[in-house]
C-alpha atoms as a PDB file:
ATOM      1  CA  MET A   1      79.522  84.230  88.696  1.00  0.00           C
ATOM      2  CA  ASP A   2      82.547  83.094  90.609  1.00  0.00           C
ATOM      3  CA  PRO A   3      82.033  79.421  91.576  1.00  0.00           C
ATOM      4  CA  ASP A   4      84.181  79.920  94.692  1.00  0.00           C
ATOM      5  CA  VAL A   5      81.689  82.382  96.214  1.00  0.00           C
ATOM      6  CA  LYS A   6      79.735  80.819  99.062  1.00  0.00           C
ATOM      7  CA  VAL A   7      76.046  81.637  99.447  1.00  0.00           C
ATOM      8  CA  GLY A   8      74.002  80.274 102.311  1.00  0.00           C
ATOM      9  CA  ALA A   9      70.492  78.912 102.279  1.00  0.00           C
ATOM     10  CA  THR A  10      67.416  81.074 102.613  1.00  0.00           C
ATOM     11  CA  ILE A  11      66.226  81.172 106.217  1.00  0.00           C
ATOM     12  CA  CYS A  12      62.781  79.571 105.691  1.00  0.00           C
ATOM     13  CA  LYS A  13      60.328  78.372 103.035  1.00  0.00           C
ATOM     14  CA  MET A  14      58.183  81.494 103.374  1.00  0.00           C
ATOM     15  CA  GLN A  15      61.139  83.796 102.569  1.00  0.00           C
ATOM     16  CA  TYR A  16      62.336  81.470  99.806  1.00  0.00           C
ATOM     17  CA  ASP A  17      58.916  81.678  98.125  1.00  0.00           C
ATOM     18  CA  LYS A  18      58.854  85.439  98.635  1.00  0.00           C
ATOM     19  CA  ILE A  19      62.224  85.877  96.898  1.00  0.00           C
ATOM     20  CA  LEU A  20      61.114  83.769  93.934  1.00  0.00           C
ATOM     21  CA  LYS A  21      57.913  85.861  93.749  1.00  0.00           C
ATOM     22  CA  TYR A  22      60.000  89.049  93.674  1.00  0.00           C
ATOM     23  CA  LEU A  23      61.943  87.602  90.735  1.00  0.00           C
ATOM     24  CA  ASP A  24      58.722  86.664  88.902  1.00  0.00           C
ATOM     25  CA  THR A  25      57.328  90.146  89.520  1.00  0.00           C
ATOM     26  CA  ALA A  26      60.557  91.737  88.290  1.00  0.00           C
ATOM     27  CA  ARG A  27      60.255  89.815  85.006  1.00  0.00           C
ATOM     28  CA  GLU A  28      56.580  90.823  84.678  1.00  0.00           C
ATOM     29  CA  GLU A  29      57.515  94.470  85.261  1.00  0.00           C
ATOM     30  CA  GLY A  30      60.129  94.377  82.496  1.00  0.00           C
ATOM     31  CA  ALA A  31      63.366  93.550  84.287  1.00  0.00           C
ATOM     32  CA  GLU A  32      65.754  91.112  82.665  1.00  0.00           C
ATOM     33  CA  VAL A  33      67.367  88.433  84.813  1.00  0.00           C
ATOM     34  CA  LEU A  34      70.974  88.733  83.635  1.00  0.00           C
ATOM     35  CA  CYS A  35      72.122  85.757  85.691  1.00  0.00           C
ATOM     36  CA  GLY A  36      70.996  83.527  88.532  1.00  0.00           C
ATOM     37  CA  GLY A  37      67.586  83.666  90.128  1.00  0.00           C
ATOM     38  CA  GLU A  38      66.780  79.982  89.911  1.00  0.00           C
ATOM     39  CA  PRO A  39      66.394  77.449  92.714  1.00  0.00           C
ATOM     40  CA  VAL A  40      69.539  75.410  93.313  1.00  0.00           C
ATOM     41  CA  THR A  41      69.722  71.826  94.540  1.00  0.00           C
ATOM     42  CA  LEU A  42      73.067  70.866  95.996  1.00  0.00           C
ATOM     43  CA  ASP A  43      74.590  67.402  95.637  1.00  0.00           C
ATOM     44  CA  SER A  44      75.931  67.137  99.171  1.00  0.00           C
ATOM     45  CA  PRO A  45      73.747  65.001 101.477  1.00  0.00           C
ATOM     46  CA  ASP A  46      74.728  67.352 104.318  1.00  0.00           C
ATOM     47  CA  LEU A  47      73.035  70.231 102.490  1.00  0.00           C
ATOM     48  CA  ALA A  48      70.006  68.352 101.131  1.00  0.00           C
ATOM     49  CA  GLY A  49      66.728  70.086 101.810  1.00  0.00           C
ATOM     50  CA  GLY A  50      68.312  73.538 102.014  1.00  0.00           C
ATOM     51  CA  LEU A  51      66.455  76.366 100.299  1.00  0.00           C
ATOM     52  CA  TYR A  52      69.042  77.762  97.901  1.00  0.00           C
ATOM     53  CA  ILE A  53      68.604  80.407  95.208  1.00  0.00           C
ATOM     54  CA  ALA A  54      71.380  81.343  92.785  1.00  0.00           C
ATOM     55  CA  PRO A  55      72.251  85.029  93.285  1.00  0.00           C
ATOM     56  CA  ALA A  56      70.331  87.055  90.715  1.00  0.00           C
ATOM     57  CA  VAL A  57      71.318  90.211  88.874  1.00  0.00           C
ATOM     58  CA  LEU A  58      68.416  92.162  87.378  1.00  0.00           C
ATOM     59  CA  GLY A  59      68.992  94.487  84.438  1.00  0.00           C
ATOM     60  CA  ASN A  60      66.688  96.900  82.624  1.00  0.00           C
ATOM     61  CA  CYS A  61      65.395  98.083  86.014  1.00  0.00           C
ATOM     62  CA  THR A  62      63.482 101.275  86.718  1.00  0.00           C
ATOM     63  CA  ASP A  63      62.820 103.120  89.963  1.00  0.00           C
ATOM     64  CA  ASP A  64      59.156 102.090  90.056  1.00  0.00           C
ATOM     65  CA  MET A  65      59.785  98.323  90.015  1.00  0.00           C
ATOM     66  CA  THR A  66      58.830  96.333  93.090  1.00  0.00           C
ATOM     67  CA  ALA A  67      62.275  94.732  93.508  1.00  0.00           C
ATOM     68  CA  VAL A  68      63.838  98.197  93.376  1.00  0.00           C
ATOM     69  CA  LYS A  69      61.432  99.912  95.791  1.00  0.00           C
ATOM     70  CA  GLU A  70      61.123  97.153  98.386  1.00  0.00           C
ATOM     71  CA  GLU A  71      63.602  95.169 100.460  1.00  0.00           C
ATOM     72  CA  VAL A  72      63.873  91.702  98.932  1.00  0.00           C
ATOM     73  CA  PHE A  73      65.993  90.208 101.740  1.00  0.00           C
ATOM     74  CA  GLY A  74      67.477  87.694  99.360  1.00  0.00           C
ATOM     75  CA  PRO A  75      70.277  87.268  96.807  1.00  0.00           C
ATOM     76  CA  VAL A  76      68.908  89.797  94.306  1.00  0.00           C
ATOM     77  CA  LEU A  77      70.733  92.833  92.901  1.00  0.00           C
ATOM     78  CA  SER A  78      68.858  95.401  90.804  1.00  0.00           C
ATOM     79  CA  VAL A  79      71.080  97.370  88.423  1.00  0.00           C
ATOM     80  CA  LEU A  80      69.966 100.881  87.515  1.00  0.00           C
ATOM     81  CA  VAL A  81      71.826 103.302  85.254  1.00  0.00           C
ATOM     82  CA  PHE A  82      72.266 107.031  85.869  1.00  0.00           C
ATOM     83  CA  ASP A  83      73.775 110.021  84.107  1.00  0.00           C
ATOM     84  CA  THR A  84      74.846 112.407  86.877  1.00  0.00           C
ATOM     85  CA  GLU A  85      75.786 112.285  90.554  1.00  0.00           C
ATOM     86  CA  GLU A  86      72.918 114.632  91.374  1.00  0.00           C
ATOM     87  CA  GLU A  87      70.455 112.273  89.688  1.00  0.00           C
ATOM     88  CA  VAL A  88      71.715 109.160  91.475  1.00  0.00           C
ATOM     89  CA  ILE A  89      71.708 110.906  94.864  1.00  0.00           C
ATOM     90  CA  ARG A  90      68.140 112.146  94.344  1.00  0.00           C
ATOM     91  CA  ARG A  91      66.988 108.692  93.254  1.00  0.00           C
ATOM     92  CA  ALA A  92      68.829 106.889  96.042  1.00  0.00           C
ATOM     93  CA  ASN A  93      67.264 109.160  98.664  1.00  0.00           C
ATOM     94  CA  ASP A  94      63.771 108.860  97.151  1.00  0.00           C
ATOM     95  CA  THR A  95      62.890 105.824  99.251  1.00  0.00           C
ATOM     96  CA  GLU A  96      61.048 104.980 102.444  1.00  0.00           C
ATOM     97  CA  PHE A  97      64.100 103.146 103.704  1.00  0.00           C
ATOM     98  CA  GLY A  98      67.543 104.216 104.821  1.00  0.00           C
ATOM     99  CA  LEU A  99      69.323 101.473 106.707  1.00  0.00           C
ATOM    100  CA  ALA A 100      72.363 101.088 104.433  1.00  0.00           C
ATOM    101  CA  ALA A 101      73.814 102.334 101.178  1.00  0.00           C
ATOM    102  CA  GLY A 102      76.795 101.496  99.043  1.00  0.00           C
ATOM    103  CA  VAL A 103      78.813 103.139  96.307  1.00  0.00           C
ATOM    104  CA  CYS A 104      81.010 101.159  93.932  1.00  0.00           C
ATOM    105  CA  THR A 105      83.490 103.227  91.959  1.00  0.00           C
ATOM    106  CA  GLN A 106      87.184 103.570  91.156  1.00  0.00           C
ATOM    107  CA  ASN A 107      87.004 107.272  92.028  1.00  0.00           C
ATOM    108  CA  LEU A 108      87.283 107.616  95.822  1.00  0.00           C
ATOM    109  CA  SER A 109      86.689 111.386  95.740  1.00  0.00           C
ATOM    110  CA  ARG A 110      83.392 110.738  94.000  1.00  0.00           C
ATOM    111  CA  ALA A 111      82.547 107.949  96.448  1.00  0.00           C
ATOM    112  CA  TYR A 112      83.041 110.182  99.509  1.00  0.00           C
ATOM    113  CA  ARG A 113      81.170 113.062  97.866  1.00  0.00           C
ATOM    114  CA  VAL A 114      78.169 110.859  97.049  1.00  0.00           C
ATOM    115  CA  ILE A 115      78.169 108.948 100.368  1.00  0.00           C
ATOM    116  CA  SER A 116      78.094 112.237 102.290  1.00  0.00           C
ATOM    117  CA  LYS A 117      74.755 113.086 100.639  1.00  0.00           C
ATOM    118  CA  LEU A 118      73.006 109.741 101.085  1.00  0.00           C
ATOM    119  CA  GLU A 119      70.297 109.371 103.718  1.00  0.00           C
ATOM    120  CA  ALA A 120      71.395 106.034 105.140  1.00  0.00           C
ATOM    121  CA  GLY A 121      72.598 104.731 108.464  1.00  0.00           C
ATOM    122  CA  SER A 122      75.652 102.875 107.237  1.00  0.00           C
ATOM    123  CA  CYS A 123      77.380 103.743 103.997  1.00  0.00           C
ATOM    124  CA  ASN A 124      79.889 101.473 102.309  1.00  0.00           C
ATOM    125  CA  ILE A 125      82.405 102.100  99.552  1.00  0.00           C
ATOM    126  CA  ASN A 126      83.329  99.188  97.277  1.00  0.00           C
ATOM    127  CA  THR A 127      82.195  96.699  99.926  1.00  0.00           C
ATOM    128  CA  PHE A 128      79.149  95.811 101.960  1.00  0.00           C
ATOM    129  CA  ASN A 129      78.461  94.847 105.579  1.00  0.00           C
ATOM    130  CA  ALA A 130      81.876  95.981 106.760  1.00  0.00           C
ATOM    131  CA  TYR A 131      80.505  97.014 110.163  1.00  0.00           C
ATOM    132  CA  PRO A 132      80.756  94.490 112.998  1.00  0.00           C
ATOM    133  CA  CYS A 133      77.219  93.458 113.913  1.00  0.00           C
ATOM    134  CA  VAL A 134      77.827  94.196 117.593  1.00  0.00           C
ATOM    135  CA  LEU A 135      78.284  97.942 116.983  1.00  0.00           C
ATOM    136  CA  PRO A 136      75.227 100.162 117.282  1.00  0.00           C
ATOM    137  CA  PHE A 137      73.997 101.420 113.955  1.00  0.00           C
ATOM    138  CA  GLY A 138      70.747 102.581 112.499  1.00  0.00           C
ATOM    139  CA  GLY A 139      68.978 104.043 109.587  1.00  0.00           C
ATOM    140  CA  TYR A 140      66.851 106.922 108.471  1.00  0.00           C
ATOM    141  CA  LYS A 141      63.199 107.267 107.549  1.00  0.00           C
ATOM    142  CA  LYS A 142      61.263 104.038 108.257  1.00  0.00           C
ATOM    143  CA  GLN A 143      64.430 102.445 109.625  1.00  0.00           C
ATOM    144  CA  TRP A 144      65.341 105.039 112.246  1.00  0.00           C
ATOM    145  CA  TYR A 145      64.207 102.650 114.998  1.00  0.00           C
ATOM    146  CA  GLN A 146      67.168 100.352 114.320  1.00  0.00           C
ATOM    147  CA  ARG A 147      69.462 103.031 115.729  1.00  0.00           C
ATOM    148  CA  ARG A 148      67.234 103.771 118.712  1.00  0.00           C
ATOM    149  CA  VAL A 149      66.667 100.131 119.717  1.00  0.00           C
ATOM    150  CA  ARG A 150      70.368  99.260 119.552  1.00  0.00           C
ATOM    151  CA  THR A 151      71.239 102.363 121.587  1.00  0.00           C
ATOM    152  CA  LEU A 152      68.723 101.397 124.263  1.00  0.00           C
ATOM    153  CA  LEU A 153      70.021  97.827 124.375  1.00  0.00           C
ATOM    154  CA  TYR A 154      73.637  98.893 124.761  1.00  0.00           C
ATOM    155  CA  ASN A 155      72.810 101.426 127.468  1.00  0.00           C
ATOM    156  CA  LYS A 156      71.211  98.811 129.774  1.00  0.00           C
END
């Protein structure tokens, strides 16, 4: 990992514990922690007491794993392999959620083709969270309400 990348603290002890539990469960389910995933204590007195977790990358993941199916809301990336665009689109859309999606590729034609078929509110190519948080946005499936609530708030 790049030591110049800045990662903030986890918001609270409950979420911190939840993230570490997701990592434990991932290991139990057969995922391999390729890097990160451990609690971090920082030397700076200004940051003492913060709840830090090194960003984790999980390999050997399958679609049925908890960390793949659920939203971890922490610094955890699950890596899954695929053979065809059709397969990855089907698998990506086979979820209860649909707030955001991302495609990382050197082939922009492929990126636009795949993004156009994903059931997600915001779709990113080779980046993430590029939308300003003040713009209305929303998701699909269980996350459709994000779009509706923001629209109602902006129309008042």
